[in-house]
């Protein structure tokens, strides 16, 4: 079983493999033992000296009850143990993505693809690995980042504004909010993209032997979900919720009613991110991973020559380039 929950799951792959091997071996041992007892029983009936010897002692009775106990134990343990899909991971916090990202950076060639609202959570996940990348002894020699975020210069109702219906019915109407989009654009999208590029600048300066490519593209999607693809093998997917909020704007104490996108919290259940491994031996798990990878590939290709009419990031700004003089 490779399913893990952040904070409670195993961090030792060797132990996971040992448990998996024992789980696979137990049914075989049970069949072998039952077959052995059946063979002994048949031999005791057909071969008189052997039968007299076995029947005169405690061997058959002791073995019989041992087998019964083993079968009962096997049935009880199988019924109590949760049946989880091999190659599936469940994280109960968004920050838990940092662990598989660190693992991905153990490879010589790292490919990290991301789709989300802004680059905030991506920045948090790659910050430590990019700091470590400054060390020339780092295992990573080739890094490719492909990032797709929503275009916050385009009209959208999520995030958007909320206003009471004029008929006094108590119903609220949602609509586009240029003011809220500007807040999200300047405070989150632009700021974390700037910080991410600064991390890449330092990594390139201090470890010039690493080849780095990084590009960001804007999508017409509203923030519905976030997706991480690590080294074209593992996929992690999470959805945004919708909530009402009131945020202060300006310096005069004015409050804006908004409809906002939020990551699922505890009240939505224990799962925040779900992962699938393309290398899984379970066909459905592998197919789900491949589906998300193909979905990203198609979207990336579509956005190659499609841009928003009023982009947040210019063609020069959305592609990371090595700093001048390096």
C-alpha atoms as a PDB file:
ATOM      1  CA  UNK A   1       0.000   0.000   0.000  1.00  0.00           C
ATOM      2  CA  UNK A   2       1.423   3.393  -0.959  1.00  0.00           C
ATOM      3  CA  UNK A   3      -1.455   5.474   0.270  1.00  0.00           C
ATOM      4  CA  UNK A   4      -0.284   7.986   2.826  1.00  0.00           C
ATOM      5  CA  UNK A   5      -1.716  10.872   4.794  1.00  0.00           C
ATOM      6  CA  UNK A   6       0.498  13.802   5.654  1.00  0.00           C
ATOM      7  CA  UNK A   7       1.432  13.678   9.301  1.00  0.00           C
ATOM      8  CA  UNK A   8       0.290  10.110   9.837  1.00  0.00           C
ATOM      9  CA  UNK A   9       1.614   8.121   6.862  1.00  0.00           C
ATOM     10  CA  UNK A  10       4.925   6.398   6.484  1.00  0.00           C
ATOM     11  CA  UNK A  11       8.011   8.169   5.198  1.00  0.00           C
ATOM     12  CA  UNK A  12      10.026   4.950   4.782  1.00  0.00           C
ATOM     13  CA  UNK A  13       9.654   3.379   1.300  1.00  0.00           C
ATOM     14  CA  UNK A  14      11.536   0.229   2.364  1.00  0.00           C
ATOM     15  CA  UNK A  15       9.015  -0.415   5.130  1.00  0.00           C
ATOM     16  CA  UNK A  16       6.154   0.123   2.704  1.00  0.00           C
ATOM     17  CA  UNK A  17       7.652  -2.413   0.300  1.00  0.00           C
ATOM     18  CA  UNK A  18       8.175  -4.928   3.131  1.00  0.00           C
ATOM     19  CA  UNK A  19       4.556  -4.615   4.231  1.00  0.00           C
ATOM     20  CA  UNK A  20       3.370  -4.978   0.670  1.00  0.00           C
ATOM     21  CA  UNK A  21       5.508  -8.082   0.182  1.00  0.00           C
ATOM     22  CA  UNK A  22       4.195  -9.688   3.369  1.00  0.00           C
ATOM     23  CA  UNK A  23       0.622  -8.893   2.369  1.00  0.00           C
ATOM     24  CA  UNK A  24       1.171 -10.589  -0.990  1.00  0.00           C
ATOM     25  CA  UNK A  25       2.948 -13.567   0.593  1.00  0.00           C
ATOM     26  CA  UNK A  26       0.362 -14.349   3.275  1.00  0.00           C
ATOM     27  CA  UNK A  27      -2.316 -15.832   0.973  1.00  0.00           C
ATOM     28  CA  UNK A  28       0.310 -18.051  -0.664  1.00  0.00           C
ATOM     29  CA  UNK A  29       1.544 -19.329   2.713  1.00  0.00           C
ATOM     30  CA  UNK A  30      -2.018 -20.106   3.729  1.00  0.00           C
ATOM     31  CA  UNK A  31      -2.636 -22.113   0.558  1.00  0.00           C
ATOM     32  CA  UNK A  32       0.679 -23.952   0.918  1.00  0.00           C
ATOM     33  CA  UNK A  33      -0.013 -24.850   4.552  1.00  0.00           C
ATOM     34  CA  UNK A  34      -3.526 -26.050   3.818  1.00  0.00           C
ATOM     35  CA  UNK A  35      -2.217 -28.082   0.898  1.00  0.00           C
ATOM     36  CA  UNK A  36       0.492 -29.581   3.072  1.00  0.00           C
ATOM     37  CA  UNK A  37      -1.959 -30.620   5.755  1.00  0.00           C
ATOM     38  CA  UNK A  38      -4.293 -32.122   3.159  1.00  0.00           C
ATOM     39  CA  UNK A  39      -1.385 -34.042   1.659  1.00  0.00           C
ATOM     40  CA  UNK A  40      -0.344 -35.357   5.062  1.00  0.00           C
ATOM     41  CA  UNK A  41      -3.904 -36.373   5.830  1.00  0.00           C
ATOM     42  CA  UNK A  42      -4.185 -38.291   2.552  1.00  0.00           C
ATOM     43  CA  UNK A  43      -0.787 -39.891   3.104  1.00  0.00           C
ATOM     44  CA  UNK A  44      -1.816 -40.969   6.600  1.00  0.00           C
ATOM     45  CA  UNK A  45      -4.778 -42.855   5.141  1.00  0.00           C
ATOM     46  CA  UNK A  46      -2.848 -44.501   2.305  1.00  0.00           C
ATOM     47  CA  UNK A  47       0.500 -45.259   3.918  1.00  0.00           C
ATOM     48  CA  UNK A  48      -0.081 -47.378   6.995  1.00  0.00           C
ATOM     49  CA  UNK A  49       3.285 -46.892   8.831  1.00  0.00           C
ATOM     50  CA  UNK A  50       3.159 -43.142   8.326  1.00  0.00           C
ATOM     51  CA  UNK A  51      -0.508 -43.002   9.291  1.00  0.00           C
ATOM     52  CA  UNK A  52       0.059 -44.969  12.492  1.00  0.00           C
ATOM     53  CA  UNK A  53       2.980 -42.737  13.397  1.00  0.00           C
ATOM     54  CA  UNK A  54       1.098 -39.464  12.791  1.00  0.00           C
ATOM     55  CA  UNK A  55      -2.199 -40.603  14.278  1.00  0.00           C
ATOM     56  CA  UNK A  56      -0.443 -41.923  17.371  1.00  0.00           C
ATOM     57  CA  UNK A  57       0.976 -38.503  18.170  1.00  0.00           C
ATOM     58  CA  UNK A  58      -0.288 -34.971  18.412  1.00  0.00           C
ATOM     59  CA  UNK A  59       0.983 -33.818  15.022  1.00  0.00           C
ATOM     60  CA  UNK A  60      -2.226 -33.925  12.979  1.00  0.00           C
ATOM     61  CA  UNK A  61      -4.453 -32.445  15.655  1.00  0.00           C
ATOM     62  CA  UNK A  62      -1.983 -29.691  16.480  1.00  0.00           C
ATOM     63  CA  UNK A  63      -1.446 -28.850  12.824  1.00  0.00           C
ATOM     64  CA  UNK A  64      -5.174 -28.905  12.140  1.00  0.00           C
ATOM     65  CA  UNK A  65      -5.955 -26.364  14.852  1.00  0.00           C
ATOM     66  CA  UNK A  66      -2.981 -24.223  13.832  1.00  0.00           C
ATOM     67  CA  UNK A  67      -4.299 -24.064  10.276  1.00  0.00           C
ATOM     68  CA  UNK A  68      -7.804 -23.183  11.499  1.00  0.00           C
ATOM     69  CA  UNK A  69      -6.346 -20.403  13.661  1.00  0.00           C
ATOM     70  CA  UNK A  70      -4.299 -19.087  10.740  1.00  0.00           C
ATOM     71  CA  UNK A  71      -7.303 -19.072   8.418  1.00  0.00           C
ATOM     72  CA  UNK A  72      -9.442 -17.262  10.991  1.00  0.00           C
ATOM     73  CA  UNK A  73      -6.703 -14.709  11.665  1.00  0.00           C
ATOM     74  CA  UNK A  74      -6.280 -14.123   7.959  1.00  0.00           C
ATOM     75  CA  UNK A  75     -10.015 -13.584   7.464  1.00  0.00           C
ATOM     76  CA  UNK A  76     -10.277 -11.190  10.420  1.00  0.00           C
ATOM     77  CA  UNK A  77      -7.232  -9.153   9.427  1.00  0.00           C
ATOM     78  CA  UNK A  78      -8.415  -8.910   5.823  1.00  0.00           C
ATOM     79  CA  UNK A  79     -11.863  -7.694   6.882  1.00  0.00           C
ATOM     80  CA  UNK A  80     -10.439  -5.083   9.279  1.00  0.00           C
ATOM     81  CA  UNK A  81      -7.724  -3.754   7.001  1.00  0.00           C
ATOM     82  CA  UNK A  82      -8.757  -0.893   4.707  1.00  0.00           C
ATOM     83  CA  UNK A  83      -8.538  -1.831   1.049  1.00  0.00           C
ATOM     84  CA  UNK A  84      -6.648   1.059  -0.492  1.00  0.00           C
ATOM     85  CA  UNK A  85      -5.534   1.434  -4.078  1.00  0.00           C
ATOM     86  CA  UNK A  86      -1.850   0.903  -4.757  1.00  0.00           C
ATOM     87  CA  UNK A  87      -0.213   4.088  -6.045  1.00  0.00           C
ATOM     88  CA  UNK A  88      -2.760   6.496  -4.514  1.00  0.00           C
ATOM     89  CA  UNK A  89      -1.855   9.221  -2.006  1.00  0.00           C
ATOM     90  CA  UNK A  90      -4.171  11.365   0.092  1.00  0.00           C
ATOM     91  CA  UNK A  91      -2.883  14.542   1.774  1.00  0.00           C
ATOM     92  CA  UNK A  92      -4.854  16.352   4.452  1.00  0.00           C
ATOM     93  CA  UNK A  93      -3.016  19.669   4.006  1.00  0.00           C
ATOM     94  CA  UNK A  94      -2.085  21.624   0.895  1.00  0.00           C
ATOM     95  CA  UNK A  95       1.414  22.149   2.312  1.00  0.00           C
ATOM     96  CA  UNK A  96       1.987  18.373   2.188  1.00  0.00           C
ATOM     97  CA  UNK A  97       2.824  18.693  -1.510  1.00  0.00           C
ATOM     98  CA  UNK A  98       6.242  19.935  -0.372  1.00  0.00           C
ATOM     99  CA  UNK A  99       7.356  16.372   0.445  1.00  0.00           C
ATOM    100  CA  UNK A 100       6.820  14.821  -3.020  1.00  0.00           C
ATOM    101  CA  UNK A 101       8.268  17.978  -4.605  1.00  0.00           C
ATOM    102  CA  UNK A 102      11.450  17.489  -2.572  1.00  0.00           C
ATOM    103  CA  UNK A 103      11.522  13.851  -3.666  1.00  0.00           C
ATOM    104  CA  UNK A 104      11.158  14.941  -7.298  1.00  0.00           C
ATOM    105  CA  UNK A 105      14.245  17.151  -6.927  1.00  0.00           C
ATOM    106  CA  UNK A 106      16.277  14.059  -6.088  1.00  0.00           C
ATOM    107  CA  UNK A 107      16.256  13.287  -9.820  1.00  0.00           C
ATOM    108  CA  UNK A 108      18.867  14.476 -12.272  1.00  0.00           C
ATOM    109  CA  UNK A 109      16.160  15.855 -14.555  1.00  0.00           C
ATOM    110  CA  UNK A 110      13.217  17.567 -12.827  1.00  0.00           C
ATOM    111  CA  UNK A 111       9.986  18.411 -14.630  1.00  0.00           C
ATOM    112  CA  UNK A 112       7.392  20.241 -12.557  1.00  0.00           C
ATOM    113  CA  UNK A 113       4.115  21.283 -14.173  1.00  0.00           C
ATOM    114  CA  UNK A 114       1.472  23.304 -12.341  1.00  0.00           C
ATOM    115  CA  UNK A 115      -2.052  24.599 -12.909  1.00  0.00           C
ATOM    116  CA  UNK A 116      -3.671  26.846 -10.323  1.00  0.00           C
ATOM    117  CA  UNK A 117      -5.158  30.182  -9.321  1.00  0.00           C
ATOM    118  CA  UNK A 118      -1.903  32.039  -8.641  1.00  0.00           C
ATOM    119  CA  UNK A 119       1.654  30.854  -8.045  1.00  0.00           C
ATOM    120  CA  UNK A 120       1.374  31.171  -4.248  1.00  0.00           C
ATOM    121  CA  UNK A 121       1.198  27.468  -3.310  1.00  0.00           C
ATOM    122  CA  UNK A 122       3.671  26.526  -6.035  1.00  0.00           C
ATOM    123  CA  UNK A 123       6.185  29.005  -4.657  1.00  0.00           C
ATOM    124  CA  UNK A 124       5.799  27.564  -1.156  1.00  0.00           C
ATOM    125  CA  UNK A 125       6.377  24.022  -2.466  1.00  0.00           C
ATOM    126  CA  UNK A 126       9.508  24.752  -4.509  1.00  0.00           C
ATOM    127  CA  UNK A 127      11.148  27.343  -2.260  1.00  0.00           C
ATOM    128  CA  UNK A 128      13.287  24.910  -0.246  1.00  0.00           C
ATOM    129  CA  UNK A 129      14.316  22.698  -3.211  1.00  0.00           C
ATOM    130  CA  UNK A 130      15.331  25.804  -5.198  1.00  0.00           C
ATOM    131  CA  UNK A 131      17.406  27.052  -2.283  1.00  0.00           C
ATOM    132  CA  UNK A 132      19.138  23.657  -2.168  1.00  0.00           C
ATOM    133  CA  UNK A 133      19.651  23.862  -5.929  1.00  0.00           C
ATOM    134  CA  UNK A 134      22.195  26.636  -5.348  1.00  0.00           C
ATOM    135  CA  UNK A 135      24.598  23.963  -4.115  1.00  0.00           C
ATOM    136  CA  UNK A 136      26.739  22.659  -6.988  1.00  0.00           C
ATOM    137  CA  UNK A 137      26.586  19.165  -5.484  1.00  0.00           C
ATOM    138  CA  UNK A 138      22.830  19.066  -6.109  1.00  0.00           C
ATOM    139  CA  UNK A 139      21.622  15.971  -7.970  1.00  0.00           C
ATOM    140  CA  UNK A 140      19.453  18.078 -10.262  1.00  0.00           C
ATOM    141  CA  UNK A 141      21.164  19.142 -13.484  1.00  0.00           C
ATOM    142  CA  UNK A 142      18.118  20.025 -15.582  1.00  0.00           C
ATOM    143  CA  UNK A 143      14.991  21.821 -14.325  1.00  0.00           C
ATOM    144  CA  UNK A 144      11.867  22.542 -16.336  1.00  0.00           C
ATOM    145  CA  UNK A 145       8.930  24.469 -14.874  1.00  0.00           C
ATOM    146  CA  UNK A 146       5.664  24.908 -16.772  1.00  0.00           C
ATOM    147  CA  UNK A 147       3.036  27.022 -15.035  1.00  0.00           C
ATOM    148  CA  UNK A 148      -0.554  27.808 -15.990  1.00  0.00           C
ATOM    149  CA  UNK A 149      -2.629  30.260 -13.955  1.00  0.00           C
ATOM    150  CA  UNK A 150      -5.901  32.079 -14.509  1.00  0.00           C
ATOM    151  CA  UNK A 151      -5.799  35.443 -16.250  1.00  0.00           C
ATOM    152  CA  UNK A 152      -6.790  38.015 -13.643  1.00  0.00           C
ATOM    153  CA  UNK A 153      -7.189  40.762 -16.231  1.00  0.00           C
ATOM    154  CA  UNK A 154     -10.153  38.911 -17.730  1.00  0.00           C
ATOM    155  CA  UNK A 155     -13.716  39.253 -16.458  1.00  0.00           C
ATOM    156  CA  UNK A 156     -14.789  36.448 -14.117  1.00  0.00           C
ATOM    157  CA  UNK A 157     -17.415  35.882 -11.453  1.00  0.00           C
ATOM    158  CA  UNK A 158     -15.068  33.850  -9.259  1.00  0.00           C
ATOM    159  CA  UNK A 159     -13.478  35.595  -7.571  1.00  0.00           C
ATOM    160  CA  UNK A 160     -16.144  38.236  -7.928  1.00  0.00           C
ATOM    161  CA  UNK A 161     -18.318  40.694  -6.094  1.00  0.00           C
ATOM    162  CA  UNK A 162     -21.565  40.134  -4.204  1.00  0.00           C
ATOM    163  CA  UNK A 163     -24.333  42.670  -4.107  1.00  0.00           C
ATOM    164  CA  UNK A 164     -27.865  42.461  -2.650  1.00  0.00           C
ATOM    165  CA  UNK A 165     -30.723  42.153  -5.116  1.00  0.00           C
ATOM    166  CA  UNK A 166     -32.491  45.501  -5.520  1.00  0.00           C
ATOM    167  CA  UNK A 167     -35.911  43.993  -4.774  1.00  0.00           C
ATOM    168  CA  UNK A 168     -34.997  43.352  -1.131  1.00  0.00           C
ATOM    169  CA  UNK A 169     -35.650  39.608  -1.433  1.00  0.00           C
ATOM    170  CA  UNK A 170     -32.505  38.708   0.493  1.00  0.00           C
ATOM    171  CA  UNK A 171     -30.906  37.171  -2.590  1.00  0.00           C
ATOM    172  CA  UNK A 172     -27.377  38.230  -3.464  1.00  0.00           C
ATOM    173  CA  UNK A 173     -26.069  38.586  -7.017  1.00  0.00           C
ATOM    174  CA  UNK A 174     -22.538  37.651  -8.074  1.00  0.00           C
ATOM    175  CA  UNK A 175     -20.678  39.468 -10.826  1.00  0.00           C
ATOM    176  CA  UNK A 176     -17.209  40.402 -11.971  1.00  0.00           C
ATOM    177  CA  UNK A 177     -15.149  42.562  -9.619  1.00  0.00           C
ATOM    178  CA  UNK A 178     -12.260  44.432 -11.264  1.00  0.00           C
ATOM    179  CA  UNK A 179     -11.291  45.725  -7.836  1.00  0.00           C
ATOM    180  CA  UNK A 180     -10.974  42.245  -6.323  1.00  0.00           C
ATOM    181  CA  UNK A 181      -9.181  40.909  -9.388  1.00  0.00           C
ATOM    182  CA  UNK A 182      -6.677  43.736  -9.089  1.00  0.00           C
ATOM    183  CA  UNK A 183      -6.078  42.804  -5.445  1.00  0.00           C
ATOM    184  CA  UNK A 184      -5.489  39.138  -6.332  1.00  0.00           C
ATOM    185  CA  UNK A 185      -3.353  40.063  -9.331  1.00  0.00           C
ATOM    186  CA  UNK A 186      -1.009  42.455  -7.518  1.00  0.00           C
ATOM    187  CA  UNK A 187      -0.860  40.825  -4.095  1.00  0.00           C
ATOM    188  CA  UNK A 188      -0.625  37.198  -5.192  1.00  0.00           C
ATOM    189  CA  UNK A 189      -0.128  36.452  -8.903  1.00  0.00           C
ATOM    190  CA  UNK A 190       2.505  39.089  -9.647  1.00  0.00           C
ATOM    191  CA  UNK A 191       4.198  39.017  -6.266  1.00  0.00           C
ATOM    192  CA  UNK A 192       4.760  35.264  -6.025  1.00  0.00           C
ATOM    193  CA  UNK A 193       5.822  35.052  -9.673  1.00  0.00           C
ATOM    194  CA  UNK A 194       8.408  37.728  -8.937  1.00  0.00           C
ATOM    195  CA  UNK A 195       9.670  35.833  -5.891  1.00  0.00           C
ATOM    196  CA  UNK A 196       9.820  32.562  -7.824  1.00  0.00           C
ATOM    197  CA  UNK A 197      11.945  34.154 -10.538  1.00  0.00           C
ATOM    198  CA  UNK A 198      14.273  35.583  -7.895  1.00  0.00           C
ATOM    199  CA  UNK A 199      14.822  32.049  -6.555  1.00  0.00           C
ATOM    200  CA  UNK A 200      15.656  30.886 -10.073  1.00  0.00           C
ATOM    201  CA  UNK A 201      18.031  33.830 -10.537  1.00  0.00           C
ATOM    202  CA  UNK A 202      20.007  32.904  -7.421  1.00  0.00           C
ATOM    203  CA  UNK A 203      20.061  29.202  -8.279  1.00  0.00           C
ATOM    204  CA  UNK A 204      21.433  30.023 -11.731  1.00  0.00           C
ATOM    205  CA  UNK A 205      24.081  32.416 -10.395  1.00  0.00           C
ATOM    206  CA  UNK A 206      25.353  30.077  -7.683  1.00  0.00           C
ATOM    207  CA  UNK A 207      25.016  26.826  -9.632  1.00  0.00           C
ATOM    208  CA  UNK A 208      25.414  27.712 -13.325  1.00  0.00           C
ATOM    209  CA  UNK A 209      25.834  24.056 -14.256  1.00  0.00           C
ATOM    210  CA  UNK A 210      22.080  23.532 -13.947  1.00  0.00           C
ATOM    211  CA  UNK A 211      19.966  24.100 -17.043  1.00  0.00           C
ATOM    212  CA  UNK A 212      16.768  25.949 -16.080  1.00  0.00           C
ATOM    213  CA  UNK A 213      13.711  26.655 -18.221  1.00  0.00           C
ATOM    214  CA  UNK A 214      10.580  28.227 -16.773  1.00  0.00           C
ATOM    215  CA  UNK A 215       7.498  29.596 -18.507  1.00  0.00           C
ATOM    216  CA  UNK A 216       4.122  30.848 -17.330  1.00  0.00           C
ATOM    217  CA  UNK A 217       0.945  30.940 -19.427  1.00  0.00           C
ATOM    218  CA  UNK A 218      -2.415  32.551 -18.658  1.00  0.00           C
ATOM    219  CA  UNK A 219      -5.592  30.533 -19.086  1.00  0.00           C
ATOM    220  CA  UNK A 220      -9.232  31.592 -19.496  1.00  0.00           C
ATOM    221  CA  UNK A 221     -10.217  29.137 -16.747  1.00  0.00           C
ATOM    222  CA  UNK A 222     -11.742  30.312 -13.501  1.00  0.00           C
ATOM    223  CA  UNK A 223     -10.033  28.877 -10.377  1.00  0.00           C
ATOM    224  CA  UNK A 224     -11.694  25.479 -10.062  1.00  0.00           C
ATOM    225  CA  UNK A 225      -8.760  23.205  -9.240  1.00  0.00           C
ATOM    226  CA  UNK A 226      -5.010  22.972  -8.850  1.00  0.00           C
ATOM    227  CA  UNK A 227      -2.768  20.356 -10.388  1.00  0.00           C
ATOM    228  CA  UNK A 228       0.842  19.320  -9.867  1.00  0.00           C
ATOM    229  CA  UNK A 229       2.682  16.929 -12.198  1.00  0.00           C
ATOM    230  CA  UNK A 230       6.079  15.740 -10.975  1.00  0.00           C
ATOM    231  CA  UNK A 231       8.633  14.269 -13.371  1.00  0.00           C
ATOM    232  CA  UNK A 232       5.826  13.047 -15.651  1.00  0.00           C
ATOM    233  CA  UNK A 233       5.166  10.262 -13.148  1.00  0.00           C
ATOM    234  CA  UNK A 234       3.102  11.545 -10.222  1.00  0.00           C
ATOM    235  CA  UNK A 235      -0.003  13.715 -10.329  1.00  0.00           C
ATOM    236  CA  UNK A 236      -1.555  15.629  -7.414  1.00  0.00           C
ATOM    237  CA  UNK A 237      -4.987  17.198  -7.739  1.00  0.00           C
ATOM    238  CA  UNK A 238      -7.065  19.395  -5.462  1.00  0.00           C
ATOM    239  CA  UNK A 239     -10.180  21.507  -5.908  1.00  0.00           C
ATOM    240  CA  UNK A 240     -11.134  24.976  -4.773  1.00  0.00           C
ATOM    241  CA  UNK A 241     -14.317  25.626  -2.886  1.00  0.00           C
ATOM    242  CA  UNK A 242     -16.479  28.747  -2.959  1.00  0.00           C
ATOM    243  CA  UNK A 243     -17.101  30.968   0.047  1.00  0.00           C
ATOM    244  CA  UNK A 244     -18.481  34.368   0.875  1.00  0.00           C
ATOM    245  CA  UNK A 245     -16.113  36.870   2.418  1.00  0.00           C
ATOM    246  CA  UNK A 246     -15.799  40.515   3.387  1.00  0.00           C
ATOM    247  CA  UNK A 247     -12.455  42.178   2.813  1.00  0.00           C
ATOM    248  CA  UNK A 248     -11.259  45.688   3.690  1.00  0.00           C
ATOM    249  CA  UNK A 249     -10.227  47.821   0.724  1.00  0.00           C
ATOM    250  CA  UNK A 250      -8.588  51.206   0.667  1.00  0.00           C
ATOM    251  CA  UNK A 251      -7.688  53.268   3.702  1.00  0.00           C
ATOM    252  CA  UNK A 252     -11.130  54.509   4.677  1.00  0.00           C
ATOM    253  CA  UNK A 253     -12.453  51.315   6.218  1.00  0.00           C
ATOM    254  CA  UNK A 254     -14.524  50.387   3.189  1.00  0.00           C
ATOM    255  CA  UNK A 255     -15.526  46.703   3.016  1.00  0.00           C
ATOM    256  CA  UNK A 256     -16.084  44.696  -0.139  1.00  0.00           C
ATOM    257  CA  UNK A 257     -18.443  41.709  -0.234  1.00  0.00           C
ATOM    258  CA  UNK A 258     -16.903  39.041  -2.441  1.00  0.00           C
ATOM    259  CA  UNK A 259     -17.402  35.508  -3.648  1.00  0.00           C
ATOM    260  CA  UNK A 260     -13.994  33.914  -3.255  1.00  0.00           C
ATOM    261  CA  UNK A 261     -12.253  30.679  -4.222  1.00  0.00           C
ATOM    262  CA  UNK A 262     -10.727  28.789  -1.320  1.00  0.00           C
ATOM    263  CA  UNK A 263      -8.918  25.529  -0.806  1.00  0.00           C
ATOM    264  CA  UNK A 264     -10.960  22.822   0.866  1.00  0.00           C
ATOM    265  CA  UNK A 265     -10.569  22.887   4.639  1.00  0.00           C
ATOM    266  CA  UNK A 266     -11.262  20.442   7.439  1.00  0.00           C
ATOM    267  CA  UNK A 267     -14.986  21.038   7.275  1.00  0.00           C
ATOM    268  CA  UNK A 268     -14.987  19.662   3.726  1.00  0.00           C
ATOM    269  CA  UNK A 269     -13.450  16.346   4.757  1.00  0.00           C
ATOM    270  CA  UNK A 270      -9.962  15.003   5.451  1.00  0.00           C
ATOM    271  CA  UNK A 271      -8.569  15.196   1.900  1.00  0.00           C
ATOM    272  CA  UNK A 272      -6.987  18.317   0.438  1.00  0.00           C
ATOM    273  CA  UNK A 273      -4.863  16.787  -2.331  1.00  0.00           C
ATOM    274  CA  UNK A 274      -5.150  13.407  -4.023  1.00  0.00           C
ATOM    275  CA  UNK A 275      -2.234  11.853  -5.893  1.00  0.00           C
ATOM    276  CA  UNK A 276      -1.890   9.089  -8.488  1.00  0.00           C
ATOM    277  CA  UNK A 277       1.309   7.381  -9.594  1.00  0.00           C
ATOM    278  CA  UNK A 278       1.753   6.535 -13.273  1.00  0.00           C
ATOM    279  CA  UNK A 279       4.093   3.699 -12.244  1.00  0.00           C
ATOM    280  CA  UNK A 280       1.328   2.004 -10.252  1.00  0.00           C
ATOM    281  CA  UNK A 281       0.582  -1.643 -11.004  1.00  0.00           C
ATOM    282  CA  UNK A 282      -3.112  -0.808 -10.638  1.00  0.00           C
ATOM    283  CA  UNK A 283      -4.485  -0.060 -14.097  1.00  0.00           C
ATOM    284  CA  UNK A 284      -7.105   2.480 -12.982  1.00  0.00           C
ATOM    285  CA  UNK A 285      -4.542   4.421 -10.933  1.00  0.00           C
ATOM    286  CA  UNK A 286      -2.164   4.534 -13.868  1.00  0.00           C
ATOM    287  CA  UNK A 287      -4.959   5.649 -16.223  1.00  0.00           C
ATOM    288  CA  UNK A 288      -6.013   8.480 -13.901  1.00  0.00           C
ATOM    289  CA  UNK A 289      -2.421   9.750 -13.733  1.00  0.00           C
ATOM    290  CA  UNK A 290      -2.086   9.551 -17.509  1.00  0.00           C
ATOM    291  CA  UNK A 291      -5.420  11.347 -17.981  1.00  0.00           C
ATOM    292  CA  UNK A 292      -4.301  14.376 -15.959  1.00  0.00           C
ATOM    293  CA  UNK A 293      -0.937  14.471 -17.719  1.00  0.00           C
ATOM    294  CA  UNK A 294      -2.586  14.407 -21.113  1.00  0.00           C
ATOM    295  CA  UNK A 295      -5.054  17.084 -20.001  1.00  0.00           C
ATOM    296  CA  UNK A 296      -2.192  19.370 -19.008  1.00  0.00           C
ATOM    297  CA  UNK A 297      -0.267  18.668 -22.210  1.00  0.00           C
ATOM    298  CA  UNK A 298      -3.280  19.553 -24.338  1.00  0.00           C
ATOM    299  CA  UNK A 299      -3.952  22.778 -22.417  1.00  0.00           C
ATOM    300  CA  UNK A 300      -0.294  23.812 -22.604  1.00  0.00           C
ATOM    301  CA  UNK A 301      -0.274  23.296 -26.370  1.00  0.00           C
ATOM    302  CA  UNK A 302      -3.511  25.230 -26.846  1.00  0.00           C
ATOM    303  CA  UNK A 303      -2.131  28.196 -24.898  1.00  0.00           C
ATOM    304  CA  UNK A 304       1.071  28.234 -26.950  1.00  0.00           C
ATOM    305  CA  UNK A 305      -0.259  30.804 -29.416  1.00  0.00           C
ATOM    306  CA  UNK A 306      -3.351  31.989 -27.532  1.00  0.00           C
ATOM    307  CA  UNK A 307      -3.099  34.963 -25.168  1.00  0.00           C
ATOM    308  CA  UNK A 308      -5.609  37.066 -23.253  1.00  0.00           C
ATOM    309  CA  UNK A 309      -6.421  40.363 -24.941  1.00  0.00           C
ATOM    310  CA  UNK A 310      -5.024  42.181 -21.921  1.00  0.00           C
ATOM    311  CA  UNK A 311      -2.426  39.858 -20.344  1.00  0.00           C
ATOM    312  CA  UNK A 312      -1.171  40.264 -16.802  1.00  0.00           C
ATOM    313  CA  UNK A 313       2.301  39.121 -17.904  1.00  0.00           C
ATOM    314  CA  UNK A 314       3.979  40.285 -21.077  1.00  0.00           C
ATOM    315  CA  UNK A 315       5.732  37.802 -23.365  1.00  0.00           C
ATOM    316  CA  UNK A 316       9.043  38.963 -21.911  1.00  0.00           C
ATOM    317  CA  UNK A 317       7.942  38.754 -18.288  1.00  0.00           C
ATOM    318  CA  UNK A 318       6.197  35.374 -18.427  1.00  0.00           C
ATOM    319  CA  UNK A 319       9.355  33.505 -19.466  1.00  0.00           C
ATOM    320  CA  UNK A 320      12.243  33.297 -17.025  1.00  0.00           C
ATOM    321  CA  UNK A 321      15.572  34.297 -18.496  1.00  0.00           C
ATOM    322  CA  UNK A 322      19.021  34.131 -16.856  1.00  0.00           C
ATOM    323  CA  UNK A 323      19.987  37.474 -15.309  1.00  0.00           C
ATOM    324  CA  UNK A 324      22.225  39.677 -17.488  1.00  0.00           C
ATOM    325  CA  UNK A 325      25.908  39.025 -16.995  1.00  0.00           C
ATOM    326  CA  UNK A 326      25.528  35.422 -15.800  1.00  0.00           C
END
